[in-house]
Amino acid sequence: MLQAAADFPHSGSFAYMDDVDADGNDIVEKVRILAHKPEDRVLVAIKSRRYPGEIASGNRTVRLQSLRPTEQASPVSPPKPSGRTKGRRR
């Protein structure tokens, strides 16, 4: 592994991705990008050990778009109210 920290989305950098645990709860997984693959895919190492029998050595290939540089989810702008929720003007 690389000893020096790298910037997202380069190999060696840490990233976060959304996942679901065995109980169906949404969680955020911390991963390390190991290598870039064709078609905007990356090989990542999952830091947690929640997948003992599913993933060999904790590695998984995911789409680069499913990763983000921070643990916080991207802010979602609230939906604009439609005419029905605003009420009628008189």
N, C-alpha and C. Protein backbone atom coordinates (compact mmCIF):
# COMPACT_ATOMS: atom_id res chain seq x y z
N MET A 1 0.83 -1.18 0.00
CA MET A 1 0.00 0.00 0.00
C MET A 1 0.87 1.25 0.00
N LEU A 2 0.26 2.31 -0.36
CA LEU A 2 0.97 3.57 -0.39
C LEU A 2 1.11 4.13 1.02
N GLN A 3 2.26 4.69 1.32
CA GLN A 3 2.48 5.28 2.63
C GLN A 3 2.02 6.73 2.68
N ALA A 4 2.16 7.45 1.56
CA ALA A 4 1.77 8.85 1.51
C ALA A 4 0.29 8.96 1.17
N ALA A 5 -0.37 9.91 1.79
CA ALA A 5 -1.79 10.12 1.51
C ALA A 5 -1.96 10.73 0.12
N ALA A 6 -3.00 10.32 -0.56
CA ALA A 6 -3.27 10.84 -1.90
C ALA A 6 -4.60 11.58 -1.87
N ASP A 7 -4.78 12.47 -2.81
CA ASP A 7 -6.03 13.23 -2.90
C ASP A 7 -7.09 12.41 -3.63
N PHE A 8 -8.34 12.59 -3.21
CA PHE A 8 -9.47 11.93 -3.86
C PHE A 8 -9.56 12.44 -5.29
N PRO A 9 -9.75 11.65 -6.28
CA PRO A 9 -10.07 10.23 -6.39
C PRO A 9 -8.89 9.39 -6.87
N HIS A 10 -7.68 9.73 -6.50
CA HIS A 10 -6.51 8.99 -6.96
C HIS A 10 -6.30 7.72 -6.13
N SER A 11 -5.55 6.79 -6.69
CA SER A 11 -5.24 5.55 -5.98
C SER A 11 -4.51 5.87 -4.68
N GLY A 12 -4.92 5.21 -3.62
CA GLY A 12 -4.33 5.45 -2.31
C GLY A 12 -5.14 6.39 -1.44
N SER A 13 -6.14 7.05 -2.01
CA SER A 13 -6.94 7.98 -1.22
C SER A 13 -8.11 7.26 -0.56
N PHE A 14 -8.62 7.87 0.50
CA PHE A 14 -9.79 7.35 1.17
C PHE A 14 -11.04 8.00 0.60
N ALA A 15 -12.13 7.27 0.62
CA ALA A 15 -13.41 7.77 0.13
C ALA A 15 -14.52 7.14 0.96
N TYR A 16 -15.72 7.59 0.74
CA TYR A 16 -16.88 7.07 1.46
C TYR A 16 -17.95 6.69 0.45
N MET A 17 -18.68 5.61 0.76
CA MET A 17 -19.77 5.20 -0.10
C MET A 17 -20.95 4.76 0.76
N ASP A 18 -22.15 4.92 0.24
CA ASP A 18 -23.36 4.50 0.93
C ASP A 18 -23.54 3.01 0.74
N ASP A 19 -24.03 2.35 1.78
CA ASP A 19 -24.25 0.92 1.74
C ASP A 19 -25.41 0.59 2.66
N VAL A 20 -25.79 -0.67 2.69
CA VAL A 20 -26.87 -1.14 3.55
C VAL A 20 -26.35 -2.33 4.33
N ASP A 21 -26.60 -2.35 5.65
CA ASP A 21 -26.13 -3.48 6.46
C ASP A 21 -27.13 -4.64 6.39
N ALA A 22 -26.84 -5.71 7.11
CA ALA A 22 -27.67 -6.92 7.05
C ALA A 22 -29.10 -6.67 7.55
N ASP A 23 -29.28 -5.67 8.43
CA ASP A 23 -30.61 -5.36 8.95
C ASP A 23 -31.39 -4.40 8.07
N GLY A 24 -30.78 -3.94 6.97
CA GLY A 24 -31.45 -3.02 6.07
C GLY A 24 -31.26 -1.56 6.41
N ASN A 25 -30.35 -1.26 7.34
CA ASN A 25 -30.08 0.12 7.72
C ASN A 25 -29.07 0.75 6.78
N ASP A 26 -29.29 2.02 6.44
CA ASP A 26 -28.34 2.74 5.60
C ASP A 26 -27.11 3.09 6.42
N ILE A 27 -25.93 2.84 5.87
CA ILE A 27 -24.68 3.17 6.54
C ILE A 27 -23.72 3.79 5.54
N VAL A 28 -22.66 4.39 6.06
CA VAL A 28 -21.60 4.96 5.23
C VAL A 28 -20.34 4.14 5.47
N GLU A 29 -19.77 3.59 4.40
CA GLU A 29 -18.57 2.77 4.48
C GLU A 29 -17.34 3.59 4.10
N LYS A 30 -16.27 3.48 4.89
CA LYS A 30 -15.00 4.10 4.55
C LYS A 30 -14.21 3.10 3.72
N VAL A 31 -13.73 3.53 2.57
CA VAL A 31 -12.99 2.65 1.67
C VAL A 31 -11.70 3.34 1.24
N ARG A 32 -10.76 2.55 0.73
CA ARG A 32 -9.52 3.09 0.16
C ARG A 32 -9.46 2.68 -1.29
N ILE A 33 -9.22 3.64 -2.17
CA ILE A 33 -9.14 3.36 -3.60
C ILE A 33 -7.80 2.68 -3.89
N LEU A 34 -7.87 1.48 -4.45
CA LEU A 34 -6.66 0.72 -4.76
C LEU A 34 -6.21 0.90 -6.20
N ALA A 35 -7.16 0.87 -7.14
CA ALA A 35 -6.78 0.97 -8.55
C ALA A 35 -7.98 1.44 -9.37
N HIS A 36 -7.68 2.11 -10.47
CA HIS A 36 -8.72 2.53 -11.41
C HIS A 36 -8.84 1.47 -12.50
N LYS A 37 -10.07 1.21 -12.91
CA LYS A 37 -10.36 0.23 -13.96
C LYS A 37 -11.10 0.94 -15.09
N PRO A 38 -11.25 0.27 -16.23
CA PRO A 38 -11.98 0.89 -17.34
C PRO A 38 -13.44 1.18 -16.99
N GLU A 39 -14.04 2.05 -17.77
CA GLU A 39 -15.46 2.41 -17.66
C GLU A 39 -15.80 3.03 -16.30
N ASP A 40 -14.96 3.92 -15.80
CA ASP A 40 -15.21 4.65 -14.55
C ASP A 40 -15.48 3.74 -13.37
N ARG A 41 -14.74 2.67 -13.26
CA ARG A 41 -14.85 1.78 -12.10
C ARG A 41 -13.53 1.81 -11.34
N VAL A 42 -13.62 1.55 -10.04
CA VAL A 42 -12.42 1.53 -9.20
C VAL A 42 -12.47 0.31 -8.30
N LEU A 43 -11.30 -0.22 -7.98
CA LEU A 43 -11.16 -1.29 -7.01
C LEU A 43 -10.93 -0.64 -5.66
N VAL A 44 -11.77 -0.97 -4.67
CA VAL A 44 -11.65 -0.37 -3.35
C VAL A 44 -11.46 -1.45 -2.30
N ALA A 45 -10.79 -1.09 -1.22
CA ALA A 45 -10.65 -1.95 -0.05
C ALA A 45 -11.60 -1.42 1.01
N ILE A 46 -12.50 -2.27 1.47
CA ILE A 46 -13.47 -1.87 2.49
C ILE A 46 -12.80 -2.02 3.85
N LYS A 47 -12.86 -0.97 4.64
CA LYS A 47 -12.17 -0.95 5.93
C LYS A 47 -12.87 -1.80 6.98
N SER A 48 -14.20 -1.86 6.96
CA SER A 48 -14.90 -2.66 7.97
C SER A 48 -14.86 -4.13 7.59
N ARG A 49 -15.12 -4.98 8.53
CA ARG A 49 -15.10 -6.43 8.29
C ARG A 49 -16.50 -7.01 8.38
N ARG A 50 -17.48 -6.30 7.81
CA ARG A 50 -18.87 -6.76 7.85
C ARG A 50 -19.14 -7.85 6.82
N TYR A 51 -18.23 -8.10 5.91
CA TYR A 51 -18.46 -9.04 4.82
C TYR A 51 -17.52 -10.24 4.92
N PRO A 52 -17.59 -11.05 5.95
CA PRO A 52 -16.60 -12.12 6.09
C PRO A 52 -16.66 -13.17 4.99
N GLY A 53 -17.84 -13.51 4.49
CA GLY A 53 -17.92 -14.55 3.47
C GLY A 53 -18.28 -14.05 2.09
N GLU A 54 -18.62 -12.77 1.96
CA GLU A 54 -19.09 -12.25 0.68
C GLU A 54 -17.99 -11.75 -0.22
N ILE A 55 -17.00 -11.07 0.34
CA ILE A 55 -15.99 -10.40 -0.48
C ILE A 55 -14.61 -10.92 -0.09
N ALA A 56 -13.87 -11.41 -1.05
CA ALA A 56 -12.52 -11.91 -0.78
C ALA A 56 -11.63 -10.75 -0.35
N SER A 57 -11.04 -10.85 0.78
CA SER A 57 -10.09 -9.89 1.36
C SER A 57 -10.65 -8.48 1.48
N GLY A 58 -11.96 -8.30 1.48
CA GLY A 58 -12.55 -6.99 1.69
C GLY A 58 -12.44 -6.06 0.50
N ASN A 59 -12.19 -6.57 -0.70
CA ASN A 59 -12.08 -5.73 -1.90
C ASN A 59 -13.35 -5.83 -2.73
N ARG A 60 -13.68 -4.74 -3.39
CA ARG A 60 -14.88 -4.69 -4.23
C ARG A 60 -14.66 -3.70 -5.35
N THR A 61 -15.24 -3.96 -6.51
CA THR A 61 -15.20 -3.02 -7.63
C THR A 61 -16.51 -2.25 -7.65
N VAL A 62 -16.42 -0.92 -7.65
CA VAL A 62 -17.60 -0.07 -7.64
C VAL A 62 -17.44 1.03 -8.68
N ARG A 63 -18.53 1.71 -8.97
CA ARG A 63 -18.48 2.86 -9.88
C ARG A 63 -17.87 4.05 -9.14
N LEU A 64 -17.04 4.81 -9.82
CA LEU A 64 -16.40 5.98 -9.22
C LEU A 64 -17.44 7.00 -8.76
N GLN A 65 -18.56 7.11 -9.47
CA GLN A 65 -19.60 8.07 -9.12
C GLN A 65 -20.27 7.73 -7.79
N SER A 66 -20.15 6.49 -7.31
CA SER A 66 -20.78 6.12 -6.05
C SER A 66 -19.92 6.49 -4.84
N LEU A 67 -18.71 7.03 -5.07
CA LEU A 67 -17.82 7.43 -3.99
C LEU A 67 -17.84 8.93 -3.82
N ARG A 68 -17.53 9.37 -2.60
CA ARG A 68 -17.42 10.81 -2.33
C ARG A 68 -16.26 11.04 -1.38
N PRO A 69 -15.68 12.24 -1.38
CA PRO A 69 -14.49 12.50 -0.56
C PRO A 69 -14.77 12.71 0.92
N THR A 70 -16.01 13.00 1.30
CA THR A 70 -16.33 13.26 2.71
C THR A 70 -17.36 12.28 3.21
N GLU A 71 -17.40 12.13 4.54
CA GLU A 71 -18.34 11.19 5.14
C GLU A 71 -19.77 11.70 5.04
N GLN A 72 -19.93 13.00 5.05
CA GLN A 72 -21.27 13.59 4.98
C GLN A 72 -21.86 13.40 3.60
N ALA A 73 -23.12 13.07 3.55
CA ALA A 73 -23.81 12.94 2.27
C ALA A 73 -23.91 14.31 1.62
N SER A 74 -23.97 14.31 0.31
CA SER A 74 -24.11 15.56 -0.42
C SER A 74 -25.42 16.22 -0.06
N PRO A 75 -25.42 17.55 0.15
CA PRO A 75 -26.69 18.20 0.48
C PRO A 75 -27.65 18.13 -0.70
N VAL A 76 -28.86 17.82 -0.39
CA VAL A 76 -29.90 17.73 -1.41
C VAL A 76 -30.79 18.95 -1.27
N SER A 77 -30.98 19.67 -2.35
CA SER A 77 -31.83 20.86 -2.27
C SER A 77 -33.28 20.43 -2.07
N PRO A 78 -34.00 21.15 -1.23
CA PRO A 78 -35.40 20.77 -0.99
C PRO A 78 -36.22 20.95 -2.25
N PRO A 79 -37.23 20.12 -2.45
CA PRO A 79 -38.04 20.25 -3.66
C PRO A 79 -38.83 21.54 -3.64
N LYS A 80 -39.03 22.10 -4.81
CA LYS A 80 -39.81 23.32 -4.92
C LYS A 80 -41.28 22.97 -4.74
N PRO A 81 -42.01 23.80 -3.99
CA PRO A 81 -43.43 23.48 -3.78
C PRO A 81 -44.21 23.63 -5.07
N SER A 82 -45.15 22.74 -5.24
CA SER A 82 -46.00 22.84 -6.43
C SER A 82 -47.12 23.84 -6.14
N GLY A 83 -47.92 24.11 -7.12
CA GLY A 83 -49.03 25.05 -6.96
C GLY A 83 -50.01 24.60 -5.89
N ARG A 84 -50.16 23.31 -5.73
CA ARG A 84 -51.12 22.82 -4.74
C ARG A 84 -50.63 23.01 -3.32
N THR A 85 -49.35 22.91 -3.09
CA THR A 85 -48.86 23.06 -1.72
C THR A 85 -48.69 24.52 -1.31
N LYS A 86 -48.57 25.41 -2.28
CA LYS A 86 -48.43 26.82 -1.95
C LYS A 86 -49.75 27.43 -1.50
N GLY A 87 -50.83 26.89 -1.97
CA GLY A 87 -52.12 27.49 -1.67
C GLY A 87 -52.56 28.41 -2.80
N ARG A 88 -53.79 28.77 -2.75
CA ARG A 88 -54.35 29.60 -3.82
C ARG A 88 -54.30 31.07 -3.42
N ARG A 89 -53.87 31.92 -4.36
CA ARG A 89 -53.89 33.37 -4.11
C ARG A 89 -55.27 33.90 -4.43
N ARG A 90 -55.67 34.89 -3.66
CA ARG A 90 -56.98 35.51 -3.94
C ARG A 90 -56.85 36.97 -4.16
